């Protein structure tokens, strides 16, 4: 969308600019997606890891009141 340092771009961006960029990304697929559809490569699905399903320690809501 625009050139320059990523830090400077981040400082200049506003929400409408982000929305426009997301629309552009949605309308223009990545080259890897174009190649996969052209060569009929099936989409790879990676199931989520079982350890990611539950937190290691349950969240204690009472701790927020203290």
N, C-alpha and C. Protein backbone atom coordinates (compact mmCIF):
# COMPACT_ATOMS: atom_id res chain seq x y z
N UNK A 1 0.82 -1.18 0.00
CA UNK A 1 0.00 0.00 0.00
C UNK A 1 0.87 1.25 0.00
N UNK A 2 1.86 1.31 0.85
CA UNK A 2 2.77 2.43 0.84
C UNK A 2 4.15 1.94 1.25
N UNK A 3 5.15 2.71 0.88
CA UNK A 3 6.51 2.30 1.18
C UNK A 3 7.06 3.02 2.39
N UNK A 4 8.28 2.69 2.73
CA UNK A 4 8.94 3.33 3.85
C UNK A 4 9.22 2.35 4.97
N UNK A 5 9.74 2.88 6.05
CA UNK A 5 10.07 2.08 7.21
C UNK A 5 8.79 1.54 7.84
N UNK A 6 8.77 0.27 8.27
CA UNK A 6 7.57 -0.26 8.93
C UNK A 6 7.18 0.54 10.17
N UNK A 7 8.15 1.08 10.88
CA UNK A 7 7.83 1.89 12.06
C UNK A 7 7.12 3.18 11.66
N UNK A 8 7.61 3.84 10.63
CA UNK A 8 6.97 5.08 10.18
C UNK A 8 5.58 4.81 9.62
N UNK A 9 5.43 3.71 8.89
CA UNK A 9 4.12 3.36 8.36
C UNK A 9 3.15 3.12 9.51
N UNK A 10 3.59 2.41 10.54
CA UNK A 10 2.73 2.11 11.68
C UNK A 10 2.28 3.39 12.37
N UNK A 11 3.15 4.38 12.46
CA UNK A 11 2.79 5.64 13.11
C UNK A 11 1.78 6.43 12.29
N UNK A 12 1.81 6.30 10.96
CA UNK A 12 0.90 7.07 10.11
C UNK A 12 -0.44 6.37 9.90
N UNK A 13 -0.54 5.09 10.17
CA UNK A 13 -1.75 4.35 9.85
C UNK A 13 -2.90 4.74 10.75
N UNK A 14 -4.08 4.73 10.17
CA UNK A 14 -5.31 4.96 10.91
C UNK A 14 -6.23 3.77 10.66
N UNK A 15 -7.34 3.71 11.36
CA UNK A 15 -8.26 2.59 11.17
C UNK A 15 -8.83 2.52 9.75
N UNK A 16 -9.21 3.65 9.12
CA UNK A 16 -9.67 3.54 7.73
C UNK A 16 -8.59 3.01 6.79
N UNK A 17 -7.32 3.37 7.04
CA UNK A 17 -6.24 2.84 6.21
C UNK A 17 -6.09 1.34 6.41
N UNK A 18 -6.23 0.89 7.66
CA UNK A 18 -6.15 -0.55 7.94
C UNK A 18 -7.30 -1.28 7.26
N UNK A 19 -8.49 -0.72 7.31
CA UNK A 19 -9.64 -1.35 6.65
C UNK A 19 -9.43 -1.45 5.15
N UNK A 20 -8.87 -0.40 4.55
CA UNK A 20 -8.59 -0.43 3.12
C UNK A 20 -7.55 -1.48 2.78
N UNK A 21 -6.52 -1.60 3.62
CA UNK A 21 -5.49 -2.60 3.37
C UNK A 21 -6.06 -4.00 3.52
N UNK A 22 -6.92 -4.24 4.50
CA UNK A 22 -7.53 -5.57 4.67
C UNK A 22 -8.42 -5.91 3.50
N UNK A 23 -9.14 -4.91 2.95
CA UNK A 23 -9.96 -5.16 1.75
C UNK A 23 -9.05 -5.53 0.58
N UNK A 24 -7.92 -4.84 0.45
CA UNK A 24 -6.97 -5.15 -0.63
C UNK A 24 -6.46 -6.58 -0.49
N UNK A 25 -6.05 -6.95 0.74
CA UNK A 25 -5.56 -8.31 0.96
C UNK A 25 -6.64 -9.34 0.66
N UNK A 26 -7.89 -9.02 0.97
CA UNK A 26 -8.98 -9.95 0.70
C UNK A 26 -9.27 -10.09 -0.78
N UNK A 27 -9.14 -8.98 -1.54
CA UNK A 27 -9.43 -9.00 -2.97
C UNK A 27 -8.28 -9.57 -3.79
N UNK A 28 -7.07 -9.50 -3.28
CA UNK A 28 -5.89 -9.96 -4.01
C UNK A 28 -5.22 -11.08 -3.23
N UNK A 29 -5.47 -12.33 -3.62
CA UNK A 29 -4.88 -13.45 -2.87
C UNK A 29 -3.37 -13.48 -3.01
N UNK A 30 -2.74 -14.14 -2.03
CA UNK A 30 -1.28 -14.28 -2.06
C UNK A 30 -0.88 -15.18 -3.22
N UNK A 31 0.37 -15.06 -3.63
CA UNK A 31 0.88 -15.85 -4.74
C UNK A 31 0.81 -17.34 -4.42
N UNK A 32 1.07 -17.71 -3.16
CA UNK A 32 1.00 -19.13 -2.79
C UNK A 32 -0.43 -19.67 -2.94
N UNK A 33 -1.43 -18.85 -2.66
CA UNK A 33 -2.82 -19.28 -2.83
C UNK A 33 -3.16 -19.43 -4.31
N UNK A 34 -2.65 -18.52 -5.13
CA UNK A 34 -2.89 -18.62 -6.57
C UNK A 34 -2.24 -19.88 -7.13
N UNK A 35 -1.00 -20.15 -6.72
CA UNK A 35 -0.29 -21.34 -7.22
C UNK A 35 -1.00 -22.61 -6.75
N UNK A 36 -1.47 -22.63 -5.50
CA UNK A 36 -2.15 -23.82 -4.98
C UNK A 36 -3.43 -24.09 -5.76
N UNK A 37 -4.17 -23.05 -6.10
CA UNK A 37 -5.40 -23.27 -6.87
C UNK A 37 -5.09 -23.67 -8.31
N UNK A 38 -4.02 -23.12 -8.88
CA UNK A 38 -3.65 -23.45 -10.26
C UNK A 38 -3.20 -24.90 -10.36
N UNK A 39 -2.36 -25.35 -9.43
CA UNK A 39 -1.85 -26.71 -9.47
C UNK A 39 -2.73 -27.69 -8.72
N UNK A 40 -3.89 -27.22 -8.22
CA UNK A 40 -4.86 -28.05 -7.51
C UNK A 40 -4.23 -28.77 -6.32
N UNK A 41 -3.47 -28.03 -5.54
CA UNK A 41 -2.85 -28.56 -4.32
C UNK A 41 -3.87 -28.46 -3.21
N UNK A 42 -4.19 -29.55 -2.52
CA UNK A 42 -5.20 -29.47 -1.46
C UNK A 42 -4.70 -28.62 -0.29
N UNK A 43 -5.65 -27.98 0.38
CA UNK A 43 -5.33 -27.14 1.53
C UNK A 43 -4.91 -28.03 2.69
N UNK A 44 -3.81 -27.67 3.35
CA UNK A 44 -3.31 -28.44 4.48
C UNK A 44 -3.98 -27.96 5.76
N UNK A 45 -4.60 -28.87 6.46
CA UNK A 45 -5.25 -28.54 7.72
C UNK A 45 -4.41 -29.10 8.85
N UNK A 46 -4.05 -28.25 9.78
CA UNK A 46 -3.30 -28.67 10.95
C UNK A 46 -4.22 -28.53 12.15
N UNK A 47 -4.61 -29.66 12.76
CA UNK A 47 -5.50 -29.56 13.92
C UNK A 47 -4.79 -28.90 15.09
N UNK A 48 -5.54 -28.21 15.94
CA UNK A 48 -4.89 -27.57 17.08
C UNK A 48 -4.31 -28.59 18.03
N UNK A 49 -3.24 -28.19 18.68
CA UNK A 49 -2.58 -29.07 19.63
C UNK A 49 -3.49 -29.30 20.84
N UNK A 50 -3.50 -30.51 21.38
CA UNK A 50 -4.37 -30.82 22.52
C UNK A 50 -3.97 -30.03 23.75
N UNK A 51 -2.70 -29.69 23.89
CA UNK A 51 -2.27 -28.94 25.06
C UNK A 51 -2.73 -27.48 25.01
N UNK A 52 -3.11 -26.99 23.82
CA UNK A 52 -3.57 -25.61 23.68
C UNK A 52 -5.04 -25.44 24.07
N UNK A 53 -5.74 -26.53 24.28
CA UNK A 53 -7.17 -26.46 24.53
C UNK A 53 -7.50 -25.90 25.91
N UNK A 54 -6.74 -26.26 26.93
CA UNK A 54 -7.01 -25.82 28.29
C UNK A 54 -5.80 -25.09 28.85
N UNK A 55 -6.04 -24.05 29.63
CA UNK A 55 -4.89 -23.39 30.26
C UNK A 55 -4.26 -24.29 31.31
N UNK A 56 -2.99 -24.06 31.59
CA UNK A 56 -2.29 -24.89 32.57
C UNK A 56 -2.91 -24.74 33.95
N UNK A 57 -3.34 -23.52 34.28
CA UNK A 57 -3.97 -23.26 35.58
C UNK A 57 -5.31 -22.59 35.33
N UNK A 58 -6.36 -23.03 35.98
CA UNK A 58 -7.65 -22.38 35.76
C UNK A 58 -7.62 -20.93 36.25
N UNK A 59 -8.33 -20.08 35.56
CA UNK A 59 -8.34 -18.66 35.90
C UNK A 59 -9.13 -18.44 37.18
N UNK A 60 -8.59 -17.66 38.08
CA UNK A 60 -9.26 -17.38 39.35
C UNK A 60 -9.88 -15.99 39.28
N UNK A 61 -11.19 -15.94 39.16
CA UNK A 61 -11.89 -14.68 39.02
C UNK A 61 -11.86 -13.88 40.33
N UNK A 62 -11.75 -14.56 41.46
CA UNK A 62 -11.71 -13.86 42.74
C UNK A 62 -10.46 -13.00 42.89
N UNK A 63 -9.40 -13.35 42.17
CA UNK A 63 -8.16 -12.59 42.28
C UNK A 63 -8.32 -11.18 41.71
N UNK A 64 -9.31 -10.96 40.83
CA UNK A 64 -9.52 -9.64 40.26
C UNK A 64 -10.08 -8.66 41.30
N UNK A 65 -10.80 -9.16 42.28
CA UNK A 65 -11.41 -8.29 43.28
C UNK A 65 -10.41 -7.81 44.31
N UNK A 66 -9.26 -8.44 44.39
CA UNK A 66 -8.31 -8.08 45.45
C UNK A 66 -7.43 -6.92 45.04
